[in-house]
């Protein structure tokens, strides 16, 4: 099973990028998908999630209003549209899937990395002038 993250790159402050997370051998409609990021010297933090069971979505406060997560079931791909990027958004972005969170009726641990069991390889996002 593979998750392939792509779409990262170098962008100036205020710019935009769209990340993609494409799955093979699993159907993302049966999982919760999370986007995480990790900056150098910092812990991995949750950015956004999409729960395919009830289509619930949420974002960390740091990206609300700027990032949008969406899913294309036909392409088995989840996207993260990132607008208004700033240098604090720099990091390696990972997508991950969670079966336990897919079934969970509670929305209190959606950004807990340990609850995600499949991870993509990451894609680098650099925001700098």
N, C-alpha and C. Protein backbone atom coordinates (compact mmCIF):
# COMPACT_ATOMS: atom_id res chain seq x y z
N UNK A 1 0.86 -1.19 0.00
CA UNK A 1 0.00 0.00 0.00
C UNK A 1 0.89 1.23 0.00
N UNK A 2 0.60 2.11 -0.91
CA UNK A 2 1.39 3.33 -0.99
C UNK A 2 0.53 4.57 -1.01
N UNK A 3 1.04 5.60 -0.34
CA UNK A 3 0.47 6.94 -0.46
C UNK A 3 1.53 7.80 -1.11
N UNK A 4 1.16 8.43 -2.19
CA UNK A 4 2.10 9.25 -2.94
C UNK A 4 1.72 10.71 -2.80
N UNK A 5 2.55 11.46 -2.08
CA UNK A 5 2.32 12.90 -1.93
C UNK A 5 3.13 13.64 -2.96
N UNK A 6 2.53 14.67 -3.53
CA UNK A 6 3.24 15.45 -4.54
C UNK A 6 2.69 16.87 -4.56
N UNK A 7 3.37 17.74 -5.30
CA UNK A 7 2.89 19.10 -5.48
C UNK A 7 3.65 20.16 -4.71
N UNK A 8 4.61 19.73 -3.90
CA UNK A 8 5.39 20.71 -3.17
C UNK A 8 6.30 21.50 -4.07
N UNK A 9 6.93 22.50 -3.49
CA UNK A 9 7.84 23.32 -4.28
C UNK A 9 8.24 24.56 -3.52
N UNK A 10 8.84 25.48 -4.27
CA UNK A 10 9.31 26.75 -3.72
C UNK A 10 8.34 27.83 -4.17
N UNK A 11 7.89 28.65 -3.21
CA UNK A 11 6.95 29.70 -3.54
C UNK A 11 7.24 30.93 -2.68
N UNK A 12 6.95 32.09 -3.21
CA UNK A 12 7.13 33.32 -2.45
C UNK A 12 5.97 33.53 -1.49
N UNK A 13 6.19 34.31 -0.42
CA UNK A 13 5.08 34.60 0.50
C UNK A 13 3.87 35.15 -0.23
N UNK A 14 2.71 34.66 0.15
CA UNK A 14 1.48 35.04 -0.52
C UNK A 14 1.09 34.12 -1.65
N UNK A 15 1.99 33.24 -2.03
CA UNK A 15 1.73 32.34 -3.14
C UNK A 15 0.87 31.14 -2.76
N UNK A 16 0.66 30.29 -3.75
CA UNK A 16 -0.21 29.12 -3.57
C UNK A 16 0.45 27.86 -4.10
N UNK A 17 0.07 26.76 -3.51
CA UNK A 17 0.44 25.43 -3.99
C UNK A 17 -0.73 24.49 -3.76
N UNK A 18 -0.83 23.46 -4.58
CA UNK A 18 -1.82 22.42 -4.35
C UNK A 18 -1.10 21.09 -4.22
N UNK A 19 -1.24 20.49 -3.06
CA UNK A 19 -0.65 19.19 -2.81
C UNK A 19 -1.66 18.09 -3.14
N UNK A 20 -1.14 16.97 -3.60
CA UNK A 20 -1.98 15.81 -3.90
C UNK A 20 -1.48 14.61 -3.12
N UNK A 21 -2.40 13.77 -2.73
CA UNK A 21 -2.09 12.52 -2.05
C UNK A 21 -2.89 11.42 -2.75
N UNK A 22 -2.20 10.59 -3.50
CA UNK A 22 -2.84 9.54 -4.26
C UNK A 22 -2.53 8.18 -3.65
N UNK A 23 -3.55 7.37 -3.51
CA UNK A 23 -3.38 6.06 -2.88
C UNK A 23 -3.43 4.94 -3.90
N UNK A 24 -2.67 3.91 -3.62
CA UNK A 24 -2.75 2.68 -4.41
C UNK A 24 -3.07 1.52 -3.48
N UNK A 25 -3.85 0.59 -3.95
CA UNK A 25 -4.22 -0.64 -3.24
C UNK A 25 -5.23 -0.43 -2.13
N UNK A 26 -5.59 0.81 -1.80
CA UNK A 26 -6.67 1.07 -0.86
C UNK A 26 -7.56 2.14 -1.46
N UNK A 27 -8.78 2.19 -0.96
CA UNK A 27 -9.70 3.23 -1.40
C UNK A 27 -9.81 4.27 -0.30
N UNK A 28 -9.48 5.49 -0.63
CA UNK A 28 -9.51 6.54 0.39
C UNK A 28 -10.92 6.79 0.92
N UNK A 29 -11.93 6.33 0.23
CA UNK A 29 -13.30 6.47 0.73
C UNK A 29 -13.52 5.68 2.02
N UNK A 30 -12.60 4.80 2.37
CA UNK A 30 -12.74 3.98 3.56
C UNK A 30 -11.82 4.40 4.70
N UNK A 31 -11.28 5.61 4.61
CA UNK A 31 -10.33 6.07 5.62
C UNK A 31 -10.54 7.53 5.95
N UNK A 32 -9.96 7.91 7.07
CA UNK A 32 -9.74 9.32 7.34
C UNK A 32 -8.36 9.65 6.81
N UNK A 33 -8.26 10.76 6.11
CA UNK A 33 -6.99 11.18 5.53
C UNK A 33 -6.55 12.46 6.21
N UNK A 34 -5.33 12.47 6.65
CA UNK A 34 -4.78 13.65 7.30
C UNK A 34 -3.58 14.20 6.55
N UNK A 35 -3.44 15.50 6.60
CA UNK A 35 -2.22 16.16 6.12
C UNK A 35 -1.47 16.66 7.35
N UNK A 36 -0.21 16.37 7.41
CA UNK A 36 0.66 16.80 8.48
C UNK A 36 1.85 17.53 7.87
N UNK A 37 2.54 18.29 8.69
CA UNK A 37 3.76 18.92 8.22
C UNK A 37 4.79 18.92 9.35
N UNK A 38 6.04 18.97 8.93
CA UNK A 38 7.11 18.99 9.90
C UNK A 38 8.18 19.96 9.43
N UNK A 39 8.43 20.97 10.25
CA UNK A 39 9.48 21.93 9.96
C UNK A 39 10.76 21.46 10.64
N UNK A 40 11.90 21.90 10.15
CA UNK A 40 13.17 21.48 10.75
C UNK A 40 13.21 21.80 12.25
N UNK A 41 13.55 20.80 13.04
CA UNK A 41 13.67 20.99 14.47
C UNK A 41 12.37 21.05 15.23
N UNK A 42 11.26 20.82 14.53
CA UNK A 42 9.95 20.89 15.19
C UNK A 42 9.23 19.55 15.08
N UNK A 43 8.25 19.37 15.93
CA UNK A 43 7.45 18.16 15.88
C UNK A 43 6.48 18.21 14.70
N UNK A 44 6.09 17.02 14.29
CA UNK A 44 5.09 16.92 13.24
C UNK A 44 3.76 17.44 13.75
N UNK A 45 3.09 18.28 12.97
CA UNK A 45 1.81 18.84 13.39
C UNK A 45 0.75 18.55 12.34
N UNK A 46 -0.46 18.35 12.84
CA UNK A 46 -1.58 18.13 11.94
C UNK A 46 -2.01 19.43 11.30
N UNK A 47 -2.35 19.38 10.02
CA UNK A 47 -2.74 20.56 9.27
C UNK A 47 -4.23 20.51 8.91
N UNK A 48 -4.67 19.37 8.38
CA UNK A 48 -6.06 19.22 7.97
C UNK A 48 -6.41 17.75 7.91
N UNK A 49 -7.69 17.45 8.02
CA UNK A 49 -8.12 16.07 7.84
C UNK A 49 -9.44 16.04 7.10
N UNK A 50 -9.67 14.87 6.48
CA UNK A 50 -10.93 14.59 5.77
C UNK A 50 -11.39 13.21 6.20
N UNK A 51 -12.54 13.17 6.81
CA UNK A 51 -13.11 11.88 7.22
C UNK A 51 -14.10 11.42 6.15
N UNK A 52 -13.77 10.33 5.49
CA UNK A 52 -14.59 9.88 4.36
C UNK A 52 -15.92 9.28 4.80
N UNK A 53 -16.04 8.89 6.06
CA UNK A 53 -17.30 8.27 6.51
C UNK A 53 -18.42 9.31 6.55
N UNK A 54 -18.11 10.50 7.08
CA UNK A 54 -19.15 11.52 7.19
C UNK A 54 -18.77 12.82 6.49
N UNK A 55 -17.68 12.80 5.74
CA UNK A 55 -17.20 13.99 5.00
C UNK A 55 -16.88 15.16 5.92
N UNK A 56 -16.55 14.87 7.18
CA UNK A 56 -16.17 15.95 8.08
C UNK A 56 -14.75 16.41 7.76
N UNK A 57 -14.54 17.67 7.95
CA UNK A 57 -13.27 18.33 7.62
C UNK A 57 -12.93 19.29 8.74
N UNK A 58 -11.65 19.44 9.00
CA UNK A 58 -11.22 20.47 9.92
C UNK A 58 -9.76 20.80 9.64
N UNK A 59 -9.35 21.93 10.21
CA UNK A 59 -8.01 22.45 10.00
C UNK A 59 -7.42 22.93 11.32
N UNK A 60 -6.12 22.93 11.39
CA UNK A 60 -5.50 23.58 12.52
C UNK A 60 -5.74 25.08 12.38
N UNK A 61 -5.83 25.77 13.51
CA UNK A 61 -6.15 27.20 13.48
C UNK A 61 -5.16 27.99 12.64
N UNK A 62 -3.94 27.50 12.55
CA UNK A 62 -2.90 28.25 11.85
C UNK A 62 -3.13 28.32 10.36
N UNK A 63 -3.99 27.46 9.82
CA UNK A 63 -4.20 27.48 8.37
C UNK A 63 -5.64 27.74 7.98
N UNK A 64 -6.51 27.87 8.97
CA UNK A 64 -7.93 28.10 8.65
C UNK A 64 -8.10 29.36 7.82
N UNK A 65 -8.92 29.24 6.80
CA UNK A 65 -9.15 30.37 5.91
C UNK A 65 -8.15 30.46 4.78
N UNK A 66 -7.08 29.69 4.85
CA UNK A 66 -6.05 29.73 3.80
C UNK A 66 -5.93 28.39 3.07
N UNK A 67 -6.11 27.30 3.79
CA UNK A 67 -5.96 25.96 3.21
C UNK A 67 -7.34 25.32 3.03
N UNK A 68 -7.46 24.49 2.01
CA UNK A 68 -8.69 23.75 1.76
C UNK A 68 -8.36 22.32 1.41
N UNK A 69 -8.96 21.39 2.13
CA UNK A 69 -8.77 19.97 1.84
C UNK A 69 -9.98 19.47 1.07
N UNK A 70 -9.74 18.62 0.09
CA UNK A 70 -10.83 18.06 -0.70
C UNK A 70 -10.44 16.67 -1.19
N UNK A 71 -11.41 15.97 -1.70
CA UNK A 71 -11.16 14.60 -2.16
C UNK A 71 -11.84 14.35 -3.49
N UNK A 72 -11.15 13.66 -4.36
CA UNK A 72 -11.72 13.21 -5.63
C UNK A 72 -11.72 11.68 -5.58
N UNK A 73 -12.88 11.11 -5.31
CA UNK A 73 -12.96 9.66 -5.14
C UNK A 73 -12.61 8.92 -6.43
N UNK A 74 -12.99 9.48 -7.56
CA UNK A 74 -12.71 8.80 -8.83
C UNK A 74 -11.21 8.68 -9.07
N UNK A 75 -10.46 9.67 -8.60
CA UNK A 75 -9.01 9.64 -8.75
C UNK A 75 -8.31 9.04 -7.53
N UNK A 76 -9.10 8.70 -6.50
CA UNK A 76 -8.54 8.15 -5.26
C UNK A 76 -7.44 9.07 -4.72
N UNK A 77 -7.75 10.35 -4.71
CA UNK A 77 -6.76 11.37 -4.37
C UNK A 77 -7.39 12.41 -3.44
N UNK A 78 -6.60 12.85 -2.48
CA UNK A 78 -6.98 13.95 -1.61
C UNK A 78 -6.05 15.12 -1.91
N UNK A 79 -6.63 16.30 -1.94
CA UNK A 79 -5.87 17.50 -2.27
C UNK A 79 -5.79 18.43 -1.06
N UNK A 80 -4.75 19.22 -1.04
CA UNK A 80 -4.63 20.29 -0.06
C UNK A 80 -4.27 21.55 -0.83
N UNK A 81 -5.25 22.41 -1.00
CA UNK A 81 -5.01 23.69 -1.66
C UNK A 81 -4.53 24.67 -0.62
N UNK A 82 -3.37 25.25 -0.86
CA UNK A 82 -2.75 26.15 0.12
C UNK A 82 -2.59 27.52 -0.51
N UNK A 83 -3.30 28.48 0.04
CA UNK A 83 -3.23 29.86 -0.43
C UNK A 83 -2.65 30.74 0.66
N UNK A 84 -2.20 31.92 0.27
CA UNK A 84 -1.68 32.84 1.26
C UNK A 84 -0.53 32.28 2.07
N UNK A 85 0.35 31.55 1.40
CA UNK A 85 1.45 30.90 2.10
C UNK A 85 2.40 31.90 2.72
N UNK A 86 2.93 31.57 3.87
CA UNK A 86 3.92 32.40 4.54
C UNK A 86 5.08 31.51 4.98
N UNK A 87 6.21 32.12 5.35
CA UNK A 87 7.39 31.31 5.69
C UNK A 87 7.14 30.29 6.80
N UNK A 88 6.18 30.55 7.68
CA UNK A 88 5.89 29.59 8.76
C UNK A 88 5.23 28.32 8.23
N UNK A 89 4.81 28.32 6.98
CA UNK A 89 4.23 27.11 6.37
C UNK A 89 5.30 26.19 5.78
N UNK A 90 6.53 26.60 5.84
CA UNK A 90 7.62 25.79 5.29
C UNK A 90 7.77 24.50 6.07
N UNK A 91 7.97 23.42 5.33
CA UNK A 91 8.18 22.13 5.96
C UNK A 91 7.95 20.99 4.98
N UNK A 92 8.11 19.80 5.48
CA UNK A 92 7.78 18.61 4.68
C UNK A 92 6.33 18.25 5.01
N UNK A 93 5.53 18.12 3.97
CA UNK A 93 4.12 17.82 4.13
C UNK A 93 3.88 16.34 3.84
N UNK A 94 3.20 15.69 4.75
CA UNK A 94 2.89 14.27 4.64
C UNK A 94 1.38 14.05 4.63
N UNK A 95 0.96 13.07 3.86
CA UNK A 95 -0.41 12.61 3.99
C UNK A 95 -0.40 11.24 4.66
N UNK A 96 -1.48 10.94 5.33
CA UNK A 96 -1.56 9.69 6.08
C UNK A 96 -3.02 9.24 6.18
N UNK A 97 -3.22 7.97 6.39
CA UNK A 97 -4.57 7.44 6.53
C UNK A 97 -4.77 6.78 7.89
N UNK A 98 -5.98 6.86 8.37
CA UNK A 98 -6.33 6.25 9.65
C UNK A 98 -7.66 5.53 9.52
N UNK A 99 -7.65 4.24 9.88
CA UNK A 99 -8.90 3.47 9.89
C UNK A 99 -9.64 3.70 11.21
N UNK A 100 -8.90 3.81 12.29
CA UNK A 100 -9.55 3.98 13.59
C UNK A 100 -10.28 5.31 13.67
N UNK A 101 -9.70 6.36 13.10
CA UNK A 101 -10.37 7.65 13.15
C UNK A 101 -11.55 7.70 12.18
N UNK A 102 -11.49 6.90 11.11
CA UNK A 102 -12.62 6.81 10.18
C UNK A 102 -13.87 6.40 10.93
N UNK A 103 -13.72 5.44 11.86
CA UNK A 103 -14.88 4.91 12.58
C UNK A 103 -15.19 5.68 13.86
N UNK A 104 -14.29 6.51 14.31
CA UNK A 104 -14.48 7.18 15.59
C UNK A 104 -15.57 8.23 15.51
N UNK A 105 -16.51 8.23 16.48
CA UNK A 105 -17.54 9.28 16.51
C UNK A 105 -17.03 10.56 17.18
N UNK A 106 -15.83 10.50 17.70
CA UNK A 106 -15.28 11.64 18.42
C UNK A 106 -14.27 12.37 17.54
N UNK A 107 -14.26 13.66 17.65
CA UNK A 107 -13.37 14.48 16.84
C UNK A 107 -12.35 15.21 17.72
N UNK A 108 -11.72 14.46 18.62
CA UNK A 108 -10.79 15.09 19.56
C UNK A 108 -9.34 14.70 19.31
N UNK A 109 -9.10 13.70 18.48
CA UNK A 109 -7.74 13.22 18.27
C UNK A 109 -7.38 13.16 16.79
N UNK A 110 -8.02 13.97 16.00
CA UNK A 110 -7.82 13.87 14.55
C UNK A 110 -6.44 14.30 14.11
N UNK A 111 -5.71 15.04 14.92
CA UNK A 111 -4.36 15.47 14.56
C UNK A 111 -3.30 14.73 15.38
N UNK A 112 -3.64 13.56 15.88
CA UNK A 112 -2.68 12.74 16.62
C UNK A 112 -1.96 11.80 15.65
N UNK A 113 -0.70 12.04 15.38
CA UNK A 113 0.01 11.23 14.37
C UNK A 113 -0.01 9.73 14.65
N UNK A 114 0.04 9.35 15.93
CA UNK A 114 0.10 7.92 16.25
C UNK A 114 -1.15 7.15 15.84
N UNK A 115 -2.23 7.87 15.58
CA UNK A 115 -3.48 7.20 15.18
C UNK A 115 -3.56 7.00 13.67
N UNK A 116 -2.56 7.44 12.96
CA UNK A 116 -2.49 7.23 11.51
C UNK A 116 -1.47 6.13 11.25
N UNK A 117 -1.83 5.15 10.46
CA UNK A 117 -0.96 3.98 10.31
C UNK A 117 -0.32 3.84 8.93
N UNK A 118 -0.73 4.64 7.97
CA UNK A 118 -0.07 4.63 6.67
C UNK A 118 0.34 6.05 6.33
N UNK A 119 1.59 6.20 5.92
CA UNK A 119 2.14 7.52 5.65
C UNK A 119 2.77 7.56 4.26
N UNK A 120 2.60 8.69 3.60
CA UNK A 120 3.31 8.92 2.36
C UNK A 120 4.73 9.37 2.64
N UNK A 121 5.48 9.59 1.58
CA UNK A 121 6.90 9.88 1.73
C UNK A 121 7.18 11.35 2.01
N UNK A 122 6.20 12.20 1.85
CA UNK A 122 6.39 13.62 2.11
C UNK A 122 6.78 14.40 0.88
N UNK A 123 6.36 15.66 0.88
CA UNK A 123 6.73 16.57 -0.21
C UNK A 123 7.13 17.91 0.41
N UNK A 124 8.23 18.46 -0.06
CA UNK A 124 8.80 19.66 0.56
C UNK A 124 8.08 20.91 0.07
N UNK A 125 7.71 21.76 1.02
CA UNK A 125 7.15 23.07 0.72
C UNK A 125 8.07 24.12 1.34
N UNK A 126 8.53 25.03 0.52
CA UNK A 126 9.41 26.10 1.00
C UNK A 126 8.81 27.44 0.59
N UNK A 127 8.58 28.28 1.60
CA UNK A 127 8.03 29.60 1.36
C UNK A 127 9.07 30.63 1.78
N UNK A 128 9.55 31.36 0.82
CA UNK A 128 10.62 32.31 1.10
C UNK A 128 10.66 33.39 0.03
N UNK A 129 11.11 34.56 0.44
CA UNK A 129 11.29 35.65 -0.52
C UNK A 129 12.73 35.67 -1.03
